[in-house]
Amino acid sequence: MRLLDSHCHLDAAEFDADRDAVVERARAAGVLGQVVPAVTAASWPKLRQVCRAAPGLYPAYGLHPTFLAEHRPDDLHELASWIENEHPPAIGECGLDYFVEGLDRDAQAHYFDGQLRLAREHGLPLIVHARRAVDAVIASIRRLGDGRLRGVVHSFSGSPEQARQLWSLGFMIGLGGPLTYERAQRLRRLVARMPLEFLLLETDAPDQPDAGIRGQRNEPARLRQVLDVVAMLRGQAPEEIAAATTANAQRLFALPAP
C-alpha cells in the first residue's frame, strides 16, 4: 500500500529531535510521500533543507493567515522569487482564518489574494486554510481565479454544499484526524457519499491528532488511521481508498508515484 500525506508540517520544531525516525515510521506505515507546506517566509530555508534530507518530501512555499504578525510587506515579492527558483509543487499554506480573534481580515485578504494571483500566474495548485471562512475563500477563488485555479482546502470542515462549490472550482478537500472522532457526524456523512476523485488524505502533523492519540503529537505514520476510517465509512477496501487518494494527490501536485 502506497500513501501520500497531502499536508504535514514535518519542518515544525516538534520534530527537531527525531525527524529521521518520524520519516522512517511513516515509510514503514506505507506513507511514502509527504507534501510539507510552509507558514512564514522565515521558515522557507529550513523547510527546503528538511525536504532535501529524504526522498518523497515535497515543500510548498506560502504565507499562513494565522501567522499574520510575522509577515512583511515584501514577502509576496520574495515568494515569487522562491517559486521561480525552487519550482515547488504548490503554493501554501495560505488562506483565511475567521476563527482566531484579532486577525485583521483585510490584511489576511491581501496576502491570500496575492498568493492566488501567483498561483494563477505560475500554474500551481494552492494549499488553502479556511477556518470559519469557507464562503470567503470560495468568493476569493471565484473573483481572482478566472477558471485557472486549482488546489485543496485542507482540514475541510464545511458543508456538503460548500464542498460541491469547491469541487466545481477545481479544488479538492483534505481530511485527517478530525474525521476519526465519532462526534464528527457531518464530516463523516460527507466522506461516505462524496466522489472519491475529490478527496485527499492528510495528517496536519504535528497537529490534529486522530482519536487514537488524542492530545498527543501527531505524525505522518498516523495517516493509516485516517485511511481506515474513510474505508469503513465508505464500505470500501483500504487498498482501494489508498490507491485513489494517492493518485489524486499525484495528479493535483504533479508528483511522481511514491
C-alpha atoms as a PDB file:
ATOM      1  CA  MET A   1       0.000   0.000   0.000  1.00  0.00           C
ATOM      2  CA  ARG A   2       1.325   3.423  -1.004  1.00  0.00           C
ATOM      3  CA  LEU A   3       0.037   6.558   0.712  1.00  0.00           C
ATOM      4  CA  LEU A   4       0.790  10.241   0.350  1.00  0.00           C
ATOM      5  CA  ASP A   5       0.275  12.648   3.238  1.00  0.00           C
ATOM      6  CA  SER A   6      -1.013  15.728   1.431  1.00  0.00           C
ATOM      7  CA  HIS A   7      -0.431  18.059   4.394  1.00  0.00           C
ATOM      8  CA  CYS A   8       2.245  17.583   7.055  1.00  0.00           C
ATOM      9  CA  HIS A   9       4.387  20.206   8.809  1.00  0.00           C
ATOM     10  CA  LEU A  10       7.444  17.994   9.069  1.00  0.00           C
ATOM     11  CA  ASP A  11       9.669  21.061   9.452  1.00  0.00           C
ATOM     12  CA  ALA A  12       7.962  22.044  12.729  1.00  0.00           C
ATOM     13  CA  ALA A  13      10.122  22.307  15.840  1.00  0.00           C
ATOM     14  CA  GLU A  14       8.171  19.435  17.395  1.00  0.00           C
ATOM     15  CA  PHE A  15      10.066  17.086  15.063  1.00  0.00           C
ATOM     16  CA  ASP A  16      13.553  18.511  15.518  1.00  0.00           C
ATOM     17  CA  ALA A  17      14.603  15.813  17.996  1.00  0.00           C
ATOM     18  CA  ASP A  18      13.531  12.759  15.977  1.00  0.00           C
ATOM     19  CA  ARG A  19      12.660  13.843  12.428  1.00  0.00           C
ATOM     20  CA  ASP A  20      14.543  10.984  10.752  1.00  0.00           C
ATOM     21  CA  ALA A  21      12.726   8.433  12.899  1.00  0.00           C
ATOM     22  CA  VAL A  22       9.382  10.080  12.086  1.00  0.00           C
ATOM     23  CA  VAL A  23      10.117   9.728   8.376  1.00  0.00           C
ATOM     24  CA  GLU A  24      11.127   6.101   8.831  1.00  0.00           C
ATOM     25  CA  ARG A  25       7.951   5.293  10.778  1.00  0.00           C
ATOM     26  CA  ALA A  26       5.914   6.922   8.045  1.00  0.00           C
ATOM     27  CA  ARG A  27       7.611   4.843   5.354  1.00  0.00           C
ATOM     28  CA  ALA A  28       7.100   1.681   7.394  1.00  0.00           C
ATOM     29  CA  ALA A  29       3.374   2.536   7.507  1.00  0.00           C
ATOM     30  CA  GLY A  30       3.265   2.970   3.728  1.00  0.00           C
ATOM     31  CA  VAL A  31       3.346   6.769   3.761  1.00  0.00           C
ATOM     32  CA  LEU A  32       5.985   7.166   1.077  1.00  0.00           C
ATOM     33  CA  GLY A  33       5.357  10.824   0.226  1.00  0.00           C
ATOM     34  CA  GLN A  34       4.601  14.000   2.145  1.00  0.00           C
ATOM     35  CA  VAL A  35       3.671  17.486   0.966  1.00  0.00           C
ATOM     36  CA  VAL A  36       5.092  19.924   3.523  1.00  0.00           C
ATOM     37  CA  PRO A  37       3.532  23.407   3.383  1.00  0.00           C
ATOM     38  CA  ALA A  38       5.181  26.496   4.834  1.00  0.00           C
ATOM     39  CA  VAL A  39       3.703  29.035   7.240  1.00  0.00           C
ATOM     40  CA  THR A  40       6.047  32.064   7.112  1.00  0.00           C
ATOM     41  CA  ALA A  41       8.782  33.394   4.846  1.00  0.00           C
ATOM     42  CA  ALA A  42      11.303  32.959   7.656  1.00  0.00           C
ATOM     43  CA  SER A  43      10.568  29.222   7.680  1.00  0.00           C
ATOM     44  CA  TRP A  44      11.248  28.620   3.984  1.00  0.00           C
ATOM     45  CA  PRO A  45      15.013  27.894   4.208  1.00  0.00           C
ATOM     46  CA  LYS A  46      14.548  25.297   6.955  1.00  0.00           C
ATOM     47  CA  LEU A  47      11.641  23.750   5.073  1.00  0.00           C
ATOM     48  CA  ARG A  48      13.770  23.409   1.955  1.00  0.00           C
ATOM     49  CA  GLN A  49      16.579  21.789   3.964  1.00  0.00           C
ATOM     50  CA  VAL A  50      14.226  19.333   5.680  1.00  0.00           C
ATOM     51  CA  CYS A  51      12.688  18.227   2.391  1.00  0.00           C
ATOM     52  CA  ARG A  52      16.073  17.749   0.742  1.00  0.00           C
ATOM     53  CA  ALA A  53      17.141  15.377   3.514  1.00  0.00           C
ATOM     54  CA  ALA A  54      14.968  12.426   2.450  1.00  0.00           C
ATOM     55  CA  PRO A  55      13.185  11.224  -0.691  1.00  0.00           C
ATOM     56  CA  GLY A  56       9.461  11.768  -1.048  1.00  0.00           C
ATOM     57  CA  LEU A  57       9.299  15.106   0.812  1.00  0.00           C
ATOM     58  CA  TYR A  58       7.871  17.978  -1.216  1.00  0.00           C
ATOM     59  CA  PRO A  59       7.996  21.579   0.080  1.00  0.00           C
ATOM     60  CA  ALA A  60       5.293  24.126  -0.682  1.00  0.00           C
ATOM     61  CA  TYR A  61       6.005  27.781  -0.006  1.00  0.00           C
ATOM     62  CA  GLY A  62       3.407  30.224   1.264  1.00  0.00           C
ATOM     63  CA  LEU A  63       2.148  32.593   3.952  1.00  0.00           C
ATOM     64  CA  HIS A  64      -0.299  31.198   6.522  1.00  0.00           C
ATOM     65  CA  PRO A  65      -3.073  33.540   7.709  1.00  0.00           C
ATOM     66  CA  THR A  66      -2.690  32.827  11.430  1.00  0.00           C
ATOM     67  CA  PHE A  67       0.960  33.939  11.299  1.00  0.00           C
ATOM     68  CA  LEU A  68      -0.088  37.362  10.080  1.00  0.00           C
ATOM     69  CA  ALA A  69       2.078  39.209  12.618  1.00  0.00           C
ATOM     70  CA  GLU A  70       5.203  37.601  11.129  1.00  0.00           C
ATOM     71  CA  HIS A  71       4.502  38.514   7.515  1.00  0.00           C
ATOM     72  CA  ARG A  72       6.231  41.522   5.958  1.00  0.00           C
ATOM     73  CA  PRO A  73       5.196  43.768   3.039  1.00  0.00           C
ATOM     74  CA  ASP A  74       7.813  42.327   0.677  1.00  0.00           C
ATOM     75  CA  ASP A  75       7.014  38.669   1.480  1.00  0.00           C
ATOM     76  CA  LEU A  76       4.796  38.258  -1.589  1.00  0.00           C
ATOM     77  CA  HIS A  77       7.584  39.548  -3.829  1.00  0.00           C
ATOM     78  CA  GLU A  78      10.002  37.169  -2.102  1.00  0.00           C
ATOM     79  CA  LEU A  79       7.531  34.310  -2.570  1.00  0.00           C
ATOM     80  CA  ALA A  80       7.501  34.951  -6.313  1.00  0.00           C
ATOM     81  CA  SER A  81      11.287  34.588  -6.345  1.00  0.00           C
ATOM     82  CA  TRP A  82      11.179  31.344  -4.364  1.00  0.00           C
ATOM     83  CA  ILE A  83       8.596  29.914  -6.747  1.00  0.00           C
ATOM     84  CA  GLU A  84      10.712  30.781  -9.763  1.00  0.00           C
ATOM     85  CA  ASN A  85      13.915  29.385  -8.222  1.00  0.00           C
ATOM     86  CA  GLU A  86      12.618  26.326  -6.355  1.00  0.00           C
ATOM     87  CA  HIS A  87       9.776  25.115  -8.617  1.00  0.00           C
ATOM     88  CA  PRO A  88       7.594  23.815  -5.755  1.00  0.00           C
ATOM     89  CA  PRO A  89       4.596  21.547  -6.396  1.00  0.00           C
ATOM     90  CA  ALA A  90       2.203  24.029  -4.742  1.00  0.00           C
ATOM     91  CA  ILE A  91       1.762  27.404  -3.075  1.00  0.00           C
ATOM     92  CA  GLY A  92       0.739  27.312   0.558  1.00  0.00           C
ATOM     93  CA  GLU A  93      -0.225  27.117   3.223  1.00  0.00           C
ATOM     94  CA  CYS A  94      -2.351  30.182   2.532  1.00  0.00           C
ATOM     95  CA  GLY A  95      -5.954  31.189   3.091  1.00  0.00           C
ATOM     96  CA  LEU A  96      -8.242  32.889   5.562  1.00  0.00           C
ATOM     97  CA  ASP A  97      -8.919  32.318   9.263  1.00  0.00           C
ATOM     98  CA  TYR A  98     -12.008  33.914  10.820  1.00  0.00           C
ATOM     99  CA  PHE A  99     -11.797  31.791  13.973  1.00  0.00           C
ATOM    100  CA  VAL A 100      -8.750  33.304  15.681  1.00  0.00           C
ATOM    101  CA  GLU A 101      -9.676  36.609  17.275  1.00  0.00           C
ATOM    102  CA  GLY A 102      -7.687  39.696  16.396  1.00  0.00           C
ATOM    103  CA  LEU A 103      -6.545  38.645  12.917  1.00  0.00           C
ATOM    104  CA  ASP A 104      -7.108  41.570  10.577  1.00  0.00           C
ATOM    105  CA  ARG A 105      -9.334  40.315   7.777  1.00  0.00           C
ATOM    106  CA  ASP A 106      -8.212  42.924   5.268  1.00  0.00           C
ATOM    107  CA  ALA A 107      -4.565  42.026   5.855  1.00  0.00           C
ATOM    108  CA  GLN A 108      -5.376  38.328   5.523  1.00  0.00           C
ATOM    109  CA  ALA A 109      -7.138  39.018   2.237  1.00  0.00           C
ATOM    110  CA  HIS A 110      -4.127  40.970   0.965  1.00  0.00           C
ATOM    111  CA  TYR A 111      -1.781  38.017   1.417  1.00  0.00           C
ATOM    112  CA  PHE A 112      -4.323  35.431   0.256  1.00  0.00           C
ATOM    113  CA  ASP A 113      -5.216  37.361  -2.881  1.00  0.00           C
ATOM    114  CA  GLY A 114      -1.534  37.829  -3.638  1.00  0.00           C
ATOM    115  CA  GLN A 115      -0.956  34.092  -3.419  1.00  0.00           C
ATOM    116  CA  LEU A 116      -3.989  33.365  -5.579  1.00  0.00           C
ATOM    117  CA  ARG A 117      -2.518  35.639  -8.245  1.00  0.00           C
ATOM    118  CA  LEU A 118       0.862  33.922  -8.012  1.00  0.00           C
ATOM    119  CA  ALA A 119      -0.786  30.509  -8.351  1.00  0.00           C
ATOM    120  CA  ARG A 120      -2.654  31.678 -11.427  1.00  0.00           C
ATOM    121  CA  GLU A 121       0.490  33.204 -12.928  1.00  0.00           C
ATOM    122  CA  HIS A 122       2.665  30.133 -12.338  1.00  0.00           C
ATOM    123  CA  GLY A 123       0.032  27.471 -12.938  1.00  0.00           C
ATOM    124  CA  LEU A 124       0.468  25.982  -9.460  1.00  0.00           C
ATOM    125  CA  PRO A 125      -2.120  24.444  -7.143  1.00  0.00           C
ATOM    126  CA  LEU A 126      -2.885  26.016  -3.769  1.00  0.00           C
ATOM    127  CA  ILE A 127      -2.942  24.510  -0.290  1.00  0.00           C
ATOM    128  CA  VAL A 128      -5.674  26.501   1.432  1.00  0.00           C
ATOM    129  CA  HIS A 129      -6.512  27.035   5.101  1.00  0.00           C
ATOM    130  CA  ALA A 130     -10.187  28.009   5.575  1.00  0.00           C
ATOM    131  CA  ARG A 131     -11.245  28.043   9.210  1.00  0.00           C
ATOM    132  CA  ARG A 132     -14.717  29.542   9.679  1.00  0.00           C
ATOM    133  CA  ALA A 133     -14.030  31.203   6.316  1.00  0.00           C
ATOM    134  CA  VAL A 134     -15.023  28.726   3.613  1.00  0.00           C
ATOM    135  CA  ASP A 135     -17.517  31.086   1.959  1.00  0.00           C
ATOM    136  CA  ALA A 136     -14.954  33.888   1.903  1.00  0.00           C
ATOM    137  CA  VAL A 137     -12.343  31.554   0.419  1.00  0.00           C
ATOM    138  CA  ILE A 138     -14.785  30.452  -2.283  1.00  0.00           C
ATOM    139  CA  ALA A 139     -15.595  34.087  -3.076  1.00  0.00           C
ATOM    140  CA  SER A 140     -11.908  34.960  -3.424  1.00  0.00           C
ATOM    141  CA  ILE A 141     -11.259  31.980  -5.701  1.00  0.00           C
ATOM    142  CA  ARG A 142     -14.202  32.958  -7.885  1.00  0.00           C
ATOM    143  CA  ARG A 143     -13.140  36.606  -8.009  1.00  0.00           C
ATOM    144  CA  LEU A 144      -9.495  36.010  -8.867  1.00  0.00           C
ATOM    145  CA  GLY A 145      -9.406  32.548 -10.370  1.00  0.00           C
ATOM    146  CA  ASP A 146     -10.746  33.162 -13.852  1.00  0.00           C
ATOM    147  CA  GLY A 147     -11.243  29.401 -14.019  1.00  0.00           C
ATOM    148  CA  ARG A 148      -7.498  28.828 -13.789  1.00  0.00           C
ATOM    149  CA  LEU A 149      -7.032  27.988 -10.114  1.00  0.00           C
ATOM    150  CA  ARG A 150      -6.951  24.556  -8.524  1.00  0.00           C
ATOM    151  CA  GLY A 151      -5.856  23.145  -5.207  1.00  0.00           C
ATOM    152  CA  VAL A 152      -7.044  21.685  -1.938  1.00  0.00           C
ATOM    153  CA  VAL A 153      -8.855  23.142   1.052  1.00  0.00           C
ATOM    154  CA  HIS A 154      -7.167  21.213   3.833  1.00  0.00           C
ATOM    155  CA  SER A 155      -8.817  20.135   7.077  1.00  0.00           C
ATOM    156  CA  PHE A 156     -12.175  20.800   5.467  1.00  0.00           C
ATOM    157  CA  SER A 157     -14.991  21.370   7.944  1.00  0.00           C
ATOM    158  CA  GLY A 158     -17.655  22.983   5.807  1.00  0.00           C
ATOM    159  CA  SER A 159     -20.999  21.839   4.470  1.00  0.00           C
ATOM    160  CA  PRO A 160     -21.705  19.462   1.573  1.00  0.00           C
ATOM    161  CA  GLU A 161     -22.856  22.442  -0.489  1.00  0.00           C
ATOM    162  CA  GLN A 162     -19.584  24.281   0.159  1.00  0.00           C
ATOM    163  CA  ALA A 163     -17.687  21.137  -0.798  1.00  0.00           C
ATOM    164  CA  ARG A 164     -19.610  20.914  -4.065  1.00  0.00           C
ATOM    165  CA  GLN A 165     -18.818  24.543  -4.840  1.00  0.00           C
ATOM    166  CA  LEU A 166     -15.127  23.888  -4.259  1.00  0.00           C
ATOM    167  CA  TRP A 167     -15.157  20.815  -6.494  1.00  0.00           C
ATOM    168  CA  SER A 168     -16.785  22.832  -9.272  1.00  0.00           C
ATOM    169  CA  LEU A 169     -13.973  25.388  -8.935  1.00  0.00           C
ATOM    170  CA  GLY A 170     -11.237  22.762  -9.299  1.00  0.00           C
ATOM    171  CA  PHE A 171     -10.492  22.222  -5.611  1.00  0.00           C
ATOM    172  CA  MET A 172     -10.272  19.017  -3.624  1.00  0.00           C
ATOM    173  CA  ILE A 173     -10.821  18.674   0.109  1.00  0.00           C
ATOM    174  CA  GLY A 174      -8.242  17.319   2.546  1.00  0.00           C
ATOM    175  CA  LEU A 175      -9.302  15.338   5.599  1.00  0.00           C
ATOM    176  CA  GLY A 176      -7.361  13.976   8.533  1.00  0.00           C
ATOM    177  CA  GLY A 177      -7.565  13.357  12.269  1.00  0.00           C
ATOM    178  CA  PRO A 178     -10.854  15.176  12.977  1.00  0.00           C
ATOM    179  CA  LEU A 179     -12.662  12.629  10.814  1.00  0.00           C
ATOM    180  CA  THR A 180     -11.697   9.830  13.217  1.00  0.00           C
ATOM    181  CA  TYR A 181     -13.799  11.238  16.064  1.00  0.00           C
ATOM    182  CA  GLU A 182     -17.303   9.799  16.234  1.00  0.00           C
ATOM    183  CA  ARG A 183     -18.745  13.216  17.034  1.00  0.00           C
ATOM    184  CA  ALA A 184     -17.751  14.476  13.543  1.00  0.00           C
ATOM    185  CA  GLN A 185     -21.018  13.200  12.104  1.00  0.00           C
ATOM    186  CA  ARG A 186     -21.484  15.827   9.373  1.00  0.00           C
ATOM    187  CA  LEU A 187     -17.949  15.271   8.117  1.00  0.00           C
ATOM    188  CA  ARG A 188     -18.404  11.509   8.211  1.00  0.00           C
ATOM    189  CA  ARG A 189     -21.614  11.708   6.186  1.00  0.00           C
ATOM    190  CA  LEU A 190     -19.833  13.849   3.608  1.00  0.00           C
ATOM    191  CA  VAL A 191     -16.952  11.391   3.268  1.00  0.00           C
ATOM    192  CA  ALA A 192     -19.306   8.419   2.975  1.00  0.00           C
ATOM    193  CA  ARG A 193     -21.110   9.957  -0.011  1.00  0.00           C
ATOM    194  CA  MET A 194     -18.659  12.255  -1.810  1.00  0.00           C
ATOM    195  CA  PRO A 195     -16.974  11.438  -5.130  1.00  0.00           C
ATOM    196  CA  LEU A 196     -13.646   9.842  -4.252  1.00  0.00           C
ATOM    197  CA  GLU A 197     -11.879  11.815  -7.004  1.00  0.00           C
ATOM    198  CA  PHE A 198     -12.029  14.963  -4.852  1.00  0.00           C
ATOM    199  CA  LEU A 199     -10.558  13.529  -1.628  1.00  0.00           C
ATOM    200  CA  LEU A 200      -7.030  13.877  -0.262  1.00  0.00           C
ATOM    201  CA  LEU A 201      -5.793  12.315   2.988  1.00  0.00           C
ATOM    202  CA  GLU A 202      -3.663  14.319   5.406  1.00  0.00           C
ATOM    203  CA  THR A 203      -2.396  14.406   8.984  1.00  0.00           C
ATOM    204  CA  ASP A 204      -1.530  18.100   9.507  1.00  0.00           C
ATOM    205  CA  ALA A 205       1.125  16.702  11.857  1.00  0.00           C
ATOM    206  CA  PRO A 206       2.189  17.610  14.465  1.00  0.00           C
ATOM    207  CA  ASP A 207      -1.339  19.000  14.910  1.00  0.00           C
ATOM    208  CA  GLN A 208      -4.821  17.444  14.685  1.00  0.00           C
ATOM    209  CA  PRO A 209      -4.113  14.014  16.221  1.00  0.00           C
ATOM    210  CA  ASP A 210      -6.580  11.250  15.481  1.00  0.00           C
ATOM    211  CA  ALA A 211      -8.857   9.764  18.133  1.00  0.00           C
ATOM    212  CA  GLY A 212      -6.328   7.067  18.987  1.00  0.00           C
ATOM    213  CA  ILE A 213      -3.687   9.563  20.136  1.00  0.00           C
ATOM    214  CA  ARG A 214      -5.899  12.344  21.412  1.00  0.00           C
ATOM    215  CA  GLY A 215      -3.831  15.152  22.939  1.00  0.00           C
ATOM    216  CA  GLN A 216      -0.506  13.767  21.689  1.00  0.00           C
ATOM    217  CA  ARG A 217       1.858  14.791  18.913  1.00  0.00           C
ATOM    218  CA  ASN A 218       0.597  13.694  15.539  1.00  0.00           C
ATOM    219  CA  GLU A 219       2.901  12.301  12.855  1.00  0.00           C
ATOM    220  CA  PRO A 220       2.536  11.151   9.233  1.00  0.00           C
ATOM    221  CA  ALA A 221       2.539   7.431  10.066  1.00  0.00           C
ATOM    222  CA  ARG A 222      -0.913   8.050  11.574  1.00  0.00           C
ATOM    223  CA  LEU A 223      -2.318   8.569   8.067  1.00  0.00           C
ATOM    224  CA  ARG A 224      -3.176   4.867   8.165  1.00  0.00           C
ATOM    225  CA  GLN A 225      -5.754   5.570  10.886  1.00  0.00           C
ATOM    226  CA  VAL A 226      -7.413   8.219   8.704  1.00  0.00           C
ATOM    227  CA  LEU A 227      -7.400   5.805   5.762  1.00  0.00           C
ATOM    228  CA  ASP A 228      -9.071   3.071   7.802  1.00  0.00           C
ATOM    229  CA  VAL A 229     -11.880   5.378   8.914  1.00  0.00           C
ATOM    230  CA  VAL A 230     -12.518   6.565   5.350  1.00  0.00           C
ATOM    231  CA  ALA A 231     -12.620   2.959   4.154  1.00  0.00           C
ATOM    232  CA  MET A 232     -15.013   1.991   6.951  1.00  0.00           C
ATOM    233  CA  LEU A 233     -17.347   4.918   6.247  1.00  0.00           C
ATOM    234  CA  ARG A 234     -17.455   4.198   2.523  1.00  0.00           C
ATOM    235  CA  GLY A 235     -17.609   0.417   2.795  1.00  0.00           C
ATOM    236  CA  GLN A 236     -14.556   0.059   0.573  1.00  0.00           C
ATOM    237  CA  ALA A 237     -11.239  -1.710   0.980  1.00  0.00           C
ATOM    238  CA  PRO A 238      -8.441   0.433   2.431  1.00  0.00           C
ATOM    239  CA  GLU A 239      -6.277  -0.504  -0.566  1.00  0.00           C
ATOM    240  CA  GLU A 240      -8.862   0.991  -2.914  1.00  0.00           C
ATOM    241  CA  ILE A 241      -9.031   4.258  -0.957  1.00  0.00           C
ATOM    242  CA  ALA A 242      -5.243   4.417  -0.731  1.00  0.00           C
ATOM    243  CA  ALA A 243      -4.799   3.961  -4.471  1.00  0.00           C
ATOM    244  CA  ALA A 244      -7.431   6.576  -5.337  1.00  0.00           C
ATOM    245  CA  THR A 245      -6.363   9.280  -2.886  1.00  0.00           C
ATOM    246  CA  THR A 246      -2.679   8.827  -3.688  1.00  0.00           C
ATOM    247  CA  ALA A 247      -3.481   9.166  -7.392  1.00  0.00           C
ATOM    248  CA  ASN A 248      -5.497  12.307  -6.592  1.00  0.00           C
ATOM    249  CA  ALA A 249      -2.507  13.865  -4.828  1.00  0.00           C
ATOM    250  CA  GLN A 250      -0.126  12.886  -7.621  1.00  0.00           C
ATOM    251  CA  ARG A 251      -2.439  14.446 -10.180  1.00  0.00           C
ATOM    252  CA  LEU A 252      -3.006  17.677  -8.255  1.00  0.00           C
ATOM    253  CA  PHE A 253       0.620  18.300  -7.310  1.00  0.00           C
ATOM    254  CA  ALA A 254       2.192  16.698 -10.421  1.00  0.00           C
ATOM    255  CA  LEU A 255       4.227  14.315  -8.251  1.00  0.00           C
ATOM    256  CA  PRO A 256       5.881  11.061  -9.224  1.00  0.00           C
ATOM    257  CA  ALA A 257       4.493   7.789  -7.915  1.00  0.00           C
ATOM    258  CA  PRO A 258       5.607   7.313  -4.294  1.00  0.00           C
END
